[in-house]
Every structure is written in C-alpha cells, then in structure tokens.
Amino acid sequence: MSDDNAELSTDGAVKNVVLVHGAFADGSGWRGVYDNLTSRGHRVTIVQIPLTSLEDDVAATTRVLDQQDGPAVLVGHSWGGTVITQAGTHDKVAGLVYVAALVPDAGETTAQQYEGFAPTPEFVIDVGDDGFGFLNREQFKAVIATEDKAFDQAMLRHMAQRAGATITTVPGSHAVHATQAEAVSEVILSAAQNALVGAH
C-alpha cells in the first residue's frame, strides 16, 4: 500500500479519480472535469473504453484501476455507469459517481433497465450485420436542450433511488459532464472527500 501522501489530495480527500465515458463518445468529453480536478490536486485518469462489449469495457477500466497508487473514485457517464457498476468491485474503488448514467441492479440487463419507462427517440441505434451498433443518422438529433433526452428522467431517478445514491440535479443536456464540468466536478470532489471513510 502506498503512503498516505500518495493516496490523499491536499484537502485530505481520496486523490485518484478515474473517469469512464459513455457509448458513442470518447474520453475527450471529460476535459473540463479533468482540468478542474487536476488543478485542485487530484490525479485523474480517463479510461478510453473500446465499446466492443461490456466485458471489454470493464477490462479496460480494470487495467486503469490496477495502475492507481491508492484508493480511487470511479466515475461513469451514460453507458459508463454500467461499466463502473461491474468494475466497481475492484479493491481500489473507494466510491462510485454516476453522471447521467445507467445504474443497473445485480443481474439486470440494459434492456431490463428500460422496461416501463418512456422511449428516448433522440438516440436511435441500428445494429449492423456484424453485430455492431451505430447511430441512425436520419433519426439522430443533437441534444442541446436544458434537460437530458437520452434517458427518461424517471428511469434515472428510479435507478439512483434504488441504489440509495445521493442525487444532485443539474440543468443541462445528457452531456452534462461536458457542459456543466464545474458542477460535475463538485459532485466528484464531494464523493472523494466522503470516500475517505471507507478508504484503506
């Protein structure tokens, strides 16, 4: 185990933060959050998940967690929430933060998470003959409104409440991690501070 100085930031919080992006995106969407957290003394790593399967995405995240020098707060956006739920059992994970993300229950598939909630037509996914999904260009619309239209808000609230999460609401689109980087950073900083209780 690393010494305390390697594990904690200058304000006494867990120092390491690992960020996981969602589907149809890459790690660059975390730039504002990365800049904000590193300027405040945190060691931030952005996982570039391959988006080839849940197993592959979890493996990429686990490799990054293996490289941390102490406890880490693991953060996922959108599909990244499913990834961090699986990877969150890693012994270096001190806390989880879900940002406009899926929060599956044990054994729950992605399709089951959507059951009983409104469809989200802004993100229409077609699956090719090779099994890979892509956005239908004719039906895709940019999310620029002040609310998340990628997921039914009731679904997100249901999953967060079911998980017993502390919920923070922020006006913005589904890409809230990019458009409201300061607010998202504050939630992560709070998680890093509170994760100290369980950090080894």
Protein backbone atom coordinates (compact mmCIF):
# COMPACT_ATOMS: atom_id res chain seq x y z
CA MET A 1 0.00 0.00 0.00
CA SER A 2 1.21 3.48 -0.83
CA ASP A 3 1.85 6.00 1.90
CA ASP A 4 -0.93 8.43 2.86
CA ASN A 5 0.60 11.28 0.85
CA ALA A 6 0.28 9.22 -2.33
CA GLU A 7 -3.36 8.38 -1.59
CA LEU A 8 -4.77 11.71 -0.48
CA SER A 9 -5.00 15.10 -2.12
CA THR A 10 -4.02 18.33 -0.37
CA ASP A 11 -7.54 18.72 1.06
CA GLY A 12 -7.50 15.24 2.64
CA ALA A 13 -9.79 13.62 0.06
CA VAL A 14 -9.11 10.47 -1.95
CA LYS A 15 -6.65 11.70 -4.58
CA ASN A 16 -7.32 9.40 -7.52
CA VAL A 17 -10.29 9.83 -9.84
CA VAL A 18 -10.97 7.51 -12.77
CA LEU A 19 -13.42 8.74 -15.44
CA VAL A 20 -15.29 6.43 -17.83
CA HIS A 21 -17.11 7.80 -20.89
CA GLY A 22 -20.35 6.54 -22.40
CA ALA A 23 -21.32 4.93 -25.68
CA PHE A 24 -20.89 6.77 -28.98
CA ALA A 25 -18.38 9.04 -27.27
CA ASP A 26 -14.78 9.09 -26.12
CA GLY A 27 -12.76 10.36 -23.21
CA SER A 28 -12.43 13.90 -24.57
CA GLY A 29 -15.84 14.83 -23.15
CA TRP A 30 -14.27 14.75 -19.68
CA ARG A 31 -11.75 17.54 -20.50
CA GLY A 32 -13.37 20.23 -18.37
CA VAL A 33 -13.79 17.89 -15.40
CA TYR A 34 -10.20 16.65 -15.83
CA ASP A 35 -8.83 20.21 -15.86
CA ASN A 36 -10.91 21.21 -12.85
CA LEU A 37 -9.93 18.22 -10.71
CA THR A 38 -6.23 18.19 -11.60
CA SER A 39 -5.98 21.89 -10.80
CA ARG A 40 -7.28 21.03 -7.33
CA GLY A 41 -4.65 18.40 -6.64
CA HIS A 42 -6.33 15.22 -7.85
CA ARG A 43 -4.72 12.57 -10.02
CA VAL A 44 -7.24 11.99 -12.81
CA THR A 45 -7.19 9.19 -15.36
CA ILE A 46 -9.62 8.98 -18.27
CA VAL A 47 -10.37 5.44 -19.44
CA GLN A 48 -10.71 5.05 -23.19
CA ILE A 49 -13.11 2.10 -23.31
CA PRO A 50 -13.28 0.19 -26.61
CA LEU A 51 -17.10 -0.07 -26.69
CA THR A 52 -16.86 -3.55 -28.20
CA SER A 53 -18.58 -5.33 -25.30
CA LEU A 54 -19.33 -4.82 -21.63
CA GLU A 55 -16.61 -7.34 -20.83
CA ASP A 56 -14.04 -5.41 -22.90
CA ASP A 57 -15.08 -2.08 -21.37
CA VAL A 58 -14.82 -3.46 -17.83
CA ALA A 59 -11.41 -4.98 -18.64
CA ALA A 60 -10.10 -1.61 -19.90
CA THR A 61 -11.38 0.08 -16.73
CA THR A 62 -9.89 -2.60 -14.51
CA ARG A 63 -6.48 -2.16 -16.15
CA VAL A 64 -6.59 1.55 -15.28
CA LEU A 65 -7.69 0.81 -11.72
CA ASP A 66 -4.78 -1.62 -11.35
CA GLN A 67 -2.41 1.29 -12.07
CA GLN A 68 -3.76 3.60 -9.35
CA ASP A 69 -1.41 4.30 -6.43
CA GLY A 70 -4.19 4.11 -3.86
CA PRO A 71 -7.97 4.40 -3.45
CA ALA A 72 -9.89 5.93 -6.35
CA VAL A 73 -13.31 7.40 -7.01
CA LEU A 74 -14.70 5.74 -10.14
CA VAL A 75 -17.00 7.92 -12.27
CA GLY A 76 -19.16 6.87 -15.21
CA HIS A 77 -21.25 8.81 -17.71
CA SER A 78 -24.22 7.22 -19.51
CA TRP A 79 -23.22 3.66 -20.57
CA GLY A 80 -20.15 4.19 -18.38
CA GLY A 81 -22.48 3.70 -15.39
CA THR A 82 -22.99 0.08 -16.38
CA VAL A 83 -19.22 -0.28 -16.79
CA ILE A 84 -18.37 1.20 -13.38
CA THR A 85 -21.00 -0.94 -11.68
CA GLN A 86 -19.14 -4.03 -12.90
CA ALA A 87 -15.63 -2.61 -12.37
CA GLY A 88 -16.61 -1.05 -9.04
CA THR A 89 -15.85 -4.25 -7.15
CA HIS A 90 -12.12 -3.59 -7.69
CA ASP A 91 -10.32 -3.28 -4.35
CA LYS A 92 -9.03 0.22 -5.15
CA VAL A 93 -12.51 1.68 -5.70
CA ALA A 94 -13.42 3.87 -2.72
CA GLY A 95 -16.59 5.35 -4.23
CA LEU A 96 -18.77 5.47 -7.34
CA VAL A 97 -20.26 8.52 -9.07
CA TYR A 98 -22.89 8.16 -11.80
CA VAL A 99 -23.27 11.14 -14.14
CA ALA A 100 -26.49 10.95 -16.21
CA ALA A 101 -25.72 7.23 -16.15
CA LEU A 102 -27.27 3.82 -16.11
CA VAL A 103 -27.18 2.22 -12.65
CA PRO A 104 -28.01 -1.47 -13.13
CA ASP A 105 -29.13 -3.69 -10.30
CA ALA A 106 -27.42 -7.04 -9.73
CA GLY A 107 -28.07 -9.29 -12.73
CA GLU A 108 -30.13 -6.65 -14.56
CA THR A 109 -29.59 -6.29 -18.32
CA THR A 110 -29.57 -2.95 -20.12
CA ALA A 111 -32.87 -3.84 -21.81
CA GLN A 112 -34.47 -4.57 -18.44
CA GLN A 113 -33.45 -1.11 -17.18
CA TYR A 114 -35.64 0.50 -19.84
CA GLU A 115 -38.75 -1.59 -19.11
CA GLY A 116 -41.69 0.55 -18.02
CA PHE A 117 -40.06 3.87 -18.95
CA ALA A 118 -40.58 6.22 -21.87
CA PRO A 119 -38.56 5.57 -25.04
CA THR A 120 -35.83 8.01 -25.99
CA PRO A 121 -36.08 8.67 -29.74
CA GLU A 122 -33.17 11.09 -29.86
CA PHE A 123 -30.69 8.19 -29.73
CA VAL A 124 -31.85 5.62 -32.27
CA ILE A 125 -29.37 2.77 -32.57
CA ASP A 126 -29.23 0.46 -35.58
CA VAL A 127 -27.32 -2.80 -35.43
CA GLY A 128 -25.38 -3.94 -38.49
CA ASP A 129 -24.95 -7.48 -39.79
CA ASP A 130 -21.66 -7.69 -37.87
CA GLY A 131 -23.42 -7.06 -34.55
CA PHE A 132 -22.00 -3.56 -34.02
CA GLY A 133 -24.39 -0.71 -33.26
CA PHE A 134 -24.34 2.75 -34.75
CA LEU A 135 -26.48 5.88 -34.57
CA ASN A 136 -29.06 6.20 -37.31
CA ARG A 137 -28.01 9.50 -38.94
CA GLU A 138 -31.50 10.29 -40.22
CA GLN A 139 -33.09 9.97 -36.80
CA PHE A 140 -30.25 11.27 -34.62
CA LYS A 141 -30.77 14.74 -33.16
CA ALA A 142 -28.20 16.69 -31.19
CA VAL A 143 -29.08 17.09 -27.52
CA ILE A 144 -28.84 20.82 -26.85
CA ALA A 145 -31.82 21.33 -24.57
CA THR A 146 -31.51 22.05 -20.88
CA GLU A 147 -32.64 18.55 -19.98
CA ASP A 148 -31.39 15.05 -20.60
CA LYS A 149 -33.26 13.49 -23.52
CA ALA A 150 -31.10 10.40 -23.84
CA PHE A 151 -32.81 8.70 -20.89
CA ASP A 152 -36.24 9.04 -19.31
CA GLN A 153 -35.70 11.22 -16.23
CA ALA A 154 -37.98 8.92 -14.23
CA MET A 155 -35.73 5.97 -15.13
CA LEU A 156 -32.58 7.79 -13.97
CA ARG A 157 -34.23 8.85 -10.72
CA HIS A 158 -35.60 5.33 -10.14
CA MET A 159 -32.18 3.73 -10.59
CA ALA A 160 -30.44 6.27 -8.35
CA GLN A 161 -33.03 5.94 -5.59
CA ARG A 162 -32.93 2.14 -5.83
CA ALA A 163 -29.15 2.30 -5.35
CA GLY A 164 -29.53 4.56 -2.32
CA ALA A 165 -27.49 7.28 -4.05
CA THR A 166 -27.24 10.90 -3.06
CA ILE A 167 -28.87 12.69 -6.01
CA THR A 168 -27.69 16.02 -7.38
CA THR A 169 -29.68 17.61 -10.20
CA VAL A 170 -28.06 19.98 -12.66
CA PRO A 171 -29.75 21.73 -15.59
CA GLY A 172 -28.23 20.59 -18.84
CA SER A 173 -28.24 18.07 -21.64
CA HIS A 174 -27.19 14.44 -21.47
CA ALA A 175 -23.61 15.64 -21.99
CA VAL A 176 -23.73 17.36 -18.59
CA HIS A 177 -20.17 16.24 -17.82
CA ALA A 178 -19.01 18.39 -20.75
CA THR A 179 -21.45 21.30 -20.48
CA GLN A 180 -21.52 21.60 -16.67
CA ALA A 181 -17.99 20.47 -15.83
CA GLU A 182 -17.78 22.65 -12.71
CA ALA A 183 -20.97 21.23 -11.18
CA VAL A 184 -19.99 17.65 -12.03
CA SER A 185 -16.52 18.25 -10.58
CA GLU A 186 -18.06 19.44 -7.30
CA VAL A 187 -20.06 16.21 -7.01
CA ILE A 188 -16.91 14.16 -7.66
CA LEU A 189 -14.95 16.19 -5.10
CA SER A 190 -17.67 15.59 -2.53
CA ALA A 191 -17.52 11.85 -3.26
CA ALA A 192 -13.72 11.90 -2.94
CA GLN A 193 -13.98 13.59 0.44
CA ASN A 194 -16.70 11.25 1.71
CA ALA A 195 -14.98 8.13 0.34
CA LEU A 196 -12.22 8.59 2.92
CA VAL A 197 -14.38 6.83 5.48
CA GLY A 198 -14.09 3.57 3.54
CA ALA A 199 -10.59 4.06 2.06
CA HIS A 200 -7.80 1.74 3.23
